[in-house]
């Protein structure tokens, strides 16, 4: 087996170790893991790695010279879920899966050069593109065993009660009625009967442009939920520049409407769900030593959209 050196960014290492110290051995063994998969699948490393939320991705070329991406999934994620999502969607709005090994926690994916939607200069056009991707995903029939947002929302509702109580006890600045309204929305989601497939985390970082100009998503989950549930990560993707501009409330609504028009979704419901998710994210970040600027932006988002 050829030796391989991987320069894992320090912030990625620290973040994973903070989430779960047991990721240490996986991080330490990443170079050996990658070398093993290169040999097994007859691949050649072809550039510097980059790190996602919980995974490492290494550009490679296949035996026939085609570009691809080797993804190594950390213990913080379940490779079976991503494999199921990619297999079910089969390229409809998402990256192509070329090979997989669940035991090795490794995927071979189509290489998408980008850029991502985060680099798009027009927030409204970027939101529209994200909506088109969401619509392509939603057009795929959901398998019977696909996870449903309604089930996770029951646990979310219980956790949110504790977060809200702690936020009040800690004196966290909360707009009047925001916690109570968010709790009602989360309770309602627990009764949702949607069978529509969604990405689950359609942030602009997760939407990339192919060489042919088309846009696709990476890192999909297999989640049955209202398409409107995707609007929150779209808003979060443009939150910093929107809040720095004039009339931020109107700008937020414009982003939601652009996304929903392309996705075939209801903008009022999307704003409602996004509000609940914003409140929950605000509490979570404030209670788990999140970045000060992120916490402040979430507080302003909640304040702007509470009523």
Protein backbone atom coordinates (compact mmCIF):
# COMPACT_ATOMS: atom_id res chain seq x y z
CA UNK A 1 0.00 0.00 0.00
CA UNK A 2 1.38 3.42 -1.01
CA UNK A 3 1.93 5.99 1.73
CA UNK A 4 -0.46 8.93 1.68
CA UNK A 5 -0.27 12.16 3.65
CA UNK A 6 -3.45 14.08 4.42
CA UNK A 7 -3.36 17.60 5.82
CA UNK A 8 -6.54 17.68 7.89
CA UNK A 9 -7.46 21.28 8.80
CA UNK A 10 -7.14 22.04 12.47
CA UNK A 11 -10.61 23.60 12.75
CA UNK A 12 -12.20 20.47 11.29
CA UNK A 13 -10.28 18.25 13.73
CA UNK A 14 -11.19 20.44 16.69
CA UNK A 15 -14.86 20.57 15.70
CA UNK A 16 -15.18 16.79 15.43
CA UNK A 17 -13.32 16.19 18.67
CA UNK A 18 -15.55 18.72 20.41
CA UNK A 19 -18.65 16.93 19.13
CA UNK A 20 -17.34 13.50 20.11
CA UNK A 21 -13.83 12.72 21.43
CA UNK A 22 -14.15 9.18 20.02
CA UNK A 23 -13.57 10.62 16.52
CA UNK A 24 -9.86 10.91 17.40
CA UNK A 25 -8.84 7.44 16.16
CA UNK A 26 -10.78 7.99 12.91
CA UNK A 27 -9.01 11.31 12.32
CA UNK A 28 -5.62 9.78 13.13
CA UNK A 29 -6.25 6.87 10.78
CA UNK A 30 -7.71 8.91 7.90
CA UNK A 31 -4.55 8.78 5.74
CA UNK A 32 -4.28 5.00 6.06
CA UNK A 33 -8.02 4.67 5.42
CA UNK A 34 -7.78 6.75 2.24
CA UNK A 35 -4.74 4.83 1.00
CA UNK A 36 -6.57 1.55 1.53
CA UNK A 37 -9.54 2.72 -0.53
CA UNK A 38 -7.32 4.12 -3.29
CA UNK A 39 -5.72 0.72 -3.67
CA UNK A 40 -8.96 -1.23 -3.38
CA UNK A 41 -10.80 0.82 -6.00
CA UNK A 42 -7.76 1.49 -8.22
CA UNK A 43 -7.84 5.23 -7.71
CA UNK A 44 -5.16 7.93 -7.83
CA UNK A 45 -5.21 10.96 -5.54
CA UNK A 46 -5.71 14.07 -7.65
CA UNK A 47 -5.65 17.16 -5.45
CA UNK A 48 -5.99 18.49 -1.94
CA UNK A 49 -8.70 17.16 0.35
CA UNK A 50 -11.56 19.25 1.61
CA UNK A 51 -13.72 18.71 4.66
CA UNK A 52 -17.47 18.88 4.94
CA UNK A 53 -19.63 18.76 8.02
CA UNK A 54 -18.44 15.36 9.27
CA UNK A 55 -16.55 13.85 6.33
CA UNK A 56 -13.33 14.06 4.35
CA UNK A 57 -13.41 14.26 0.55
CA UNK A 58 -10.36 13.55 -1.59
CA UNK A 59 -10.30 14.33 -5.35
CA UNK A 60 -9.25 11.23 -7.30
CA UNK A 61 -9.09 9.80 -10.79
CA UNK A 62 -10.36 6.35 -11.63
CA UNK A 63 -8.43 3.65 -13.51
CA UNK A 64 -9.84 4.95 -16.81
CA UNK A 65 -8.82 8.53 -16.01
CA UNK A 66 -12.23 9.88 -15.05
CA UNK A 67 -12.40 12.47 -12.24
CA UNK A 68 -14.20 11.39 -9.07
CA UNK A 69 -14.31 12.11 -5.35
CA UNK A 70 -13.50 9.68 -2.53
CA UNK A 71 -15.58 10.44 0.55
CA UNK A 72 -14.65 9.05 3.96
CA UNK A 73 -17.49 9.33 6.47
CA UNK A 74 -16.70 9.91 10.13
CA UNK A 75 -18.31 8.04 13.04
CA UNK A 76 -20.59 11.05 13.55
CA UNK A 77 -22.67 10.12 10.50
CA UNK A 78 -24.36 6.96 9.24
CA UNK A 79 -23.11 6.03 5.76
CA UNK A 80 -26.16 3.83 5.20
CA UNK A 81 -28.43 6.89 5.26
CA UNK A 82 -26.45 8.76 2.62
CA UNK A 83 -26.12 5.64 0.47
CA UNK A 84 -29.89 5.09 0.68
CA UNK A 85 -30.56 8.71 -0.24
CA UNK A 86 -28.16 8.71 -3.20
CA UNK A 87 -29.44 5.36 -4.43
CA UNK A 88 -33.09 6.39 -4.17
CA UNK A 89 -32.56 9.77 -5.83
CA UNK A 90 -30.31 8.27 -8.53
CA UNK A 91 -28.95 11.59 -9.71
CA UNK A 92 -32.24 13.52 -9.55
CA UNK A 93 -31.00 16.80 -8.13
CA UNK A 94 -28.05 15.16 -6.35
CA UNK A 95 -24.52 13.99 -7.05
CA UNK A 96 -24.07 10.57 -8.69
CA UNK A 97 -22.94 7.65 -6.50
CA UNK A 98 -20.35 5.54 -8.35
CA UNK A 99 -19.33 3.00 -5.68
CA UNK A 100 -19.87 2.41 -1.98
CA UNK A 101 -18.57 0.31 0.89
CA UNK A 102 -20.66 0.60 4.03
CA UNK A 103 -18.25 -1.29 6.24
CA UNK A 104 -15.39 0.96 5.16
CA UNK A 105 -17.62 4.04 5.47
CA UNK A 106 -16.45 5.08 2.02
CA UNK A 107 -18.20 6.43 -1.07
CA UNK A 108 -16.94 7.12 -4.57
CA UNK A 109 -18.86 10.06 -6.00
CA UNK A 110 -19.08 12.12 -9.13
CA UNK A 111 -16.65 15.00 -8.78
CA UNK A 112 -18.43 18.35 -8.98
CA UNK A 113 -16.00 21.26 -9.41
CA UNK A 114 -18.35 23.97 -8.21
CA UNK A 115 -18.61 26.79 -7.36
CA UNK A 116 -21.27 26.44 -4.69
CA UNK A 117 -24.33 28.64 -4.42
CA UNK A 118 -22.58 30.44 -1.55
CA UNK A 119 -20.48 32.15 -4.23
CA UNK A 120 -23.48 33.26 -6.29
CA UNK A 121 -23.66 37.08 -6.38
CA UNK A 122 -27.49 37.29 -6.40
CA UNK A 123 -29.27 35.93 -3.29
CA UNK A 124 -32.66 35.79 -5.03
CA UNK A 125 -31.33 33.91 -8.04
CA UNK A 126 -29.42 31.56 -5.73
CA UNK A 127 -32.62 30.90 -3.76
CA UNK A 128 -34.44 30.17 -7.02
CA UNK A 129 -31.75 27.67 -8.06
CA UNK A 130 -32.01 25.98 -4.65
CA UNK A 131 -35.76 25.77 -5.18
CA UNK A 132 -35.29 24.05 -8.53
CA UNK A 133 -32.98 21.50 -6.92
CA UNK A 134 -35.54 20.92 -4.15
CA UNK A 135 -38.26 20.38 -6.77
CA UNK A 136 -36.17 17.74 -8.58
CA UNK A 137 -35.62 15.87 -5.32
CA UNK A 138 -39.30 16.15 -4.37
CA UNK A 139 -40.31 14.59 -7.70
CA UNK A 140 -38.77 11.23 -6.70
CA UNK A 141 -41.21 8.82 -5.00
CA UNK A 142 -40.32 8.19 -1.37
CA UNK A 143 -39.52 4.61 -0.38
CA UNK A 144 -41.83 3.16 2.29
CA UNK A 145 -39.11 3.12 4.94
CA UNK A 146 -37.90 6.70 4.43
CA UNK A 147 -37.58 8.62 7.74
CA UNK A 148 -40.28 11.21 8.36
CA UNK A 149 -39.94 14.66 9.87
CA UNK A 150 -43.04 14.01 11.95
CA UNK A 151 -41.25 11.34 13.96
CA UNK A 152 -38.17 13.44 14.68
CA UNK A 153 -40.36 16.44 15.49
CA UNK A 154 -41.80 14.66 18.53
CA UNK A 155 -38.32 14.39 20.05
CA UNK A 156 -37.55 17.91 18.83
CA UNK A 157 -40.61 19.25 20.67
CA UNK A 158 -39.45 17.69 23.95
CA UNK A 159 -35.90 18.98 23.54
CA UNK A 160 -37.16 22.44 22.62
CA UNK A 161 -39.13 22.72 25.86
CA UNK A 162 -35.91 22.21 27.80
CA UNK A 163 -33.99 24.66 25.62
CA UNK A 164 -36.69 27.29 26.03
CA UNK A 165 -36.79 26.89 29.81
CA UNK A 166 -33.01 27.19 30.00
CA UNK A 167 -33.01 30.24 27.72
CA UNK A 168 -35.50 31.97 30.00
CA UNK A 169 -33.54 31.01 33.13
CA UNK A 170 -30.29 32.26 31.57
CA UNK A 171 -31.84 35.57 30.64
CA UNK A 172 -31.26 35.07 26.91
CA UNK A 173 -32.84 37.95 24.98
CA UNK A 174 -36.00 36.45 23.48
CA UNK A 175 -38.62 38.49 21.63
CA UNK A 176 -41.99 38.26 23.43
CA UNK A 177 -43.95 35.19 22.41
CA UNK A 178 -41.19 33.77 20.19
CA UNK A 179 -40.57 30.64 22.23
CA UNK A 180 -44.22 29.85 22.64
CA UNK A 181 -44.98 30.35 18.94
CA UNK A 182 -42.04 28.20 17.90
CA UNK A 183 -43.22 25.43 20.23
CA UNK A 184 -46.67 25.47 18.59
CA UNK A 185 -45.16 25.16 15.12
CA UNK A 186 -42.92 22.27 16.18
CA UNK A 187 -45.91 20.50 17.76
CA UNK A 188 -47.83 20.89 14.50
CA UNK A 189 -44.93 19.35 12.54
CA UNK A 190 -45.21 16.24 14.70
CA UNK A 191 -48.58 15.63 13.03
CA UNK A 192 -47.27 16.23 9.48
CA UNK A 193 -48.12 13.49 6.99
CA UNK A 194 -45.84 14.55 4.13
CA UNK A 195 -44.43 11.79 1.93
CA UNK A 196 -42.34 14.20 -0.12
CA UNK A 197 -38.60 13.60 -0.27
CA UNK A 198 -36.40 16.51 0.78
CA UNK A 199 -32.66 17.04 0.97
CA UNK A 200 -32.75 17.80 4.68
CA UNK A 201 -29.96 20.41 4.70
CA UNK A 202 -30.21 22.43 1.51
CA UNK A 203 -27.71 25.12 2.47
CA UNK A 204 -25.97 26.95 -0.35
CA UNK A 205 -22.73 25.18 0.62
CA UNK A 206 -24.41 21.92 -0.36
CA UNK A 207 -25.48 23.03 -3.86
CA UNK A 208 -22.72 22.91 -6.49
CA UNK A 209 -22.52 23.68 -10.19
CA UNK A 210 -21.41 21.03 -12.65
CA UNK A 211 -19.16 21.81 -15.61
CA UNK A 212 -22.25 21.80 -17.85
CA UNK A 213 -23.80 24.61 -15.81
CA UNK A 214 -26.44 22.52 -14.03
CA UNK A 215 -26.76 22.61 -10.25
CA UNK A 216 -26.95 19.60 -7.92
CA UNK A 217 -26.86 18.92 -4.20
CA UNK A 218 -24.34 16.95 -2.17
CA UNK A 219 -24.78 15.25 1.22
CA UNK A 220 -28.52 14.47 0.94
CA UNK A 221 -30.53 12.90 3.71
CA UNK A 222 -33.54 10.72 2.99
CA UNK A 223 -36.22 12.72 4.77
CA UNK A 224 -39.96 12.88 4.11
CA UNK A 225 -40.99 16.40 5.00
CA UNK A 226 -42.73 19.46 3.58
CA UNK A 227 -40.57 21.10 0.93
CA UNK A 228 -41.13 24.29 2.96
CA UNK A 229 -38.85 22.79 5.63
CA UNK A 230 -35.87 23.48 3.34
CA UNK A 231 -36.42 27.26 3.40
CA UNK A 232 -34.62 27.75 6.71
CA UNK A 233 -31.20 26.65 5.47
CA UNK A 234 -31.73 28.79 2.35
CA UNK A 235 -32.37 31.83 4.56
CA UNK A 236 -29.42 30.98 6.80
CA UNK A 237 -27.19 30.85 3.71
CA UNK A 238 -27.84 34.51 2.89
CA UNK A 239 -28.47 35.81 6.40
CA UNK A 240 -25.25 37.76 6.90
CA UNK A 241 -25.49 39.95 3.77
CA UNK A 242 -29.27 40.32 4.09
CA UNK A 243 -29.01 41.63 7.65
CA UNK A 244 -26.32 44.09 6.60
CA UNK A 245 -28.51 45.51 3.84
CA UNK A 246 -31.45 47.84 3.97
CA UNK A 247 -34.96 46.54 4.73
CA UNK A 248 -33.79 43.08 5.90
CA UNK A 249 -37.32 41.87 6.71
CA UNK A 250 -38.45 42.42 3.14
CA UNK A 251 -35.24 40.85 1.83
CA UNK A 252 -35.80 37.70 3.89
CA UNK A 253 -39.33 37.39 2.55
CA UNK A 254 -38.04 37.86 -0.98
CA UNK A 255 -35.56 35.01 -0.56
CA UNK A 256 -38.28 32.72 0.80
CA UNK A 257 -40.64 33.60 -2.05
CA UNK A 258 -37.96 33.04 -4.71
CA UNK A 259 -37.17 29.61 -3.26
CA UNK A 260 -40.81 28.60 -2.87
CA UNK A 261 -41.86 29.72 -6.34
CA UNK A 262 -39.20 27.50 -7.90
CA UNK A 263 -39.84 24.61 -5.48
CA UNK A 264 -43.64 24.69 -5.81
CA UNK A 265 -43.97 25.44 -2.10
CA UNK A 266 -46.06 27.79 0.06
CA UNK A 267 -44.08 30.85 1.20
CA UNK A 268 -46.21 31.52 4.29
CA UNK A 269 -45.74 28.00 5.59
CA UNK A 270 -42.04 28.11 4.71
CA UNK A 271 -41.60 31.29 6.78
CA UNK A 272 -43.49 29.71 9.67
CA UNK A 273 -41.32 26.59 9.75
CA UNK A 274 -38.18 28.65 9.22
CA UNK A 275 -39.11 30.81 12.20
CA UNK A 276 -39.41 27.78 14.49
CA UNK A 277 -36.08 26.45 13.27
CA UNK A 278 -34.49 29.87 13.76
CA UNK A 279 -35.64 30.03 17.39
CA UNK A 280 -34.39 26.48 18.04
CA UNK A 281 -31.05 27.27 16.37
CA UNK A 282 -30.73 30.46 18.40
CA UNK A 283 -31.23 28.58 21.64
CA UNK A 284 -28.87 25.77 20.59
CA UNK A 285 -26.02 28.05 19.52
CA UNK A 286 -26.35 30.23 22.63
CA UNK A 287 -26.34 27.16 24.90
CA UNK A 288 -23.48 25.35 23.16
CA UNK A 289 -20.87 28.14 22.90
CA UNK A 290 -21.66 28.97 19.31
CA UNK A 291 -19.96 31.82 17.51
CA UNK A 292 -21.02 35.21 18.80
CA UNK A 293 -21.78 36.57 15.33
CA UNK A 294 -23.93 33.52 14.49
CA UNK A 295 -25.89 33.90 17.71
CA UNK A 296 -26.49 37.58 17.08
CA UNK A 297 -27.64 36.97 13.50
CA UNK A 298 -30.07 34.30 14.68
CA UNK A 299 -31.39 36.62 17.36
CA UNK A 300 -32.06 39.30 14.75
CA UNK A 301 -33.70 36.76 12.42
CA UNK A 302 -36.06 35.69 15.22
CA UNK A 303 -36.77 39.32 16.09
CA UNK A 304 -37.54 40.23 12.48
CA UNK A 305 -39.81 37.28 11.77
CA UNK A 306 -41.63 36.78 15.08
CA UNK A 307 -44.83 38.41 13.99
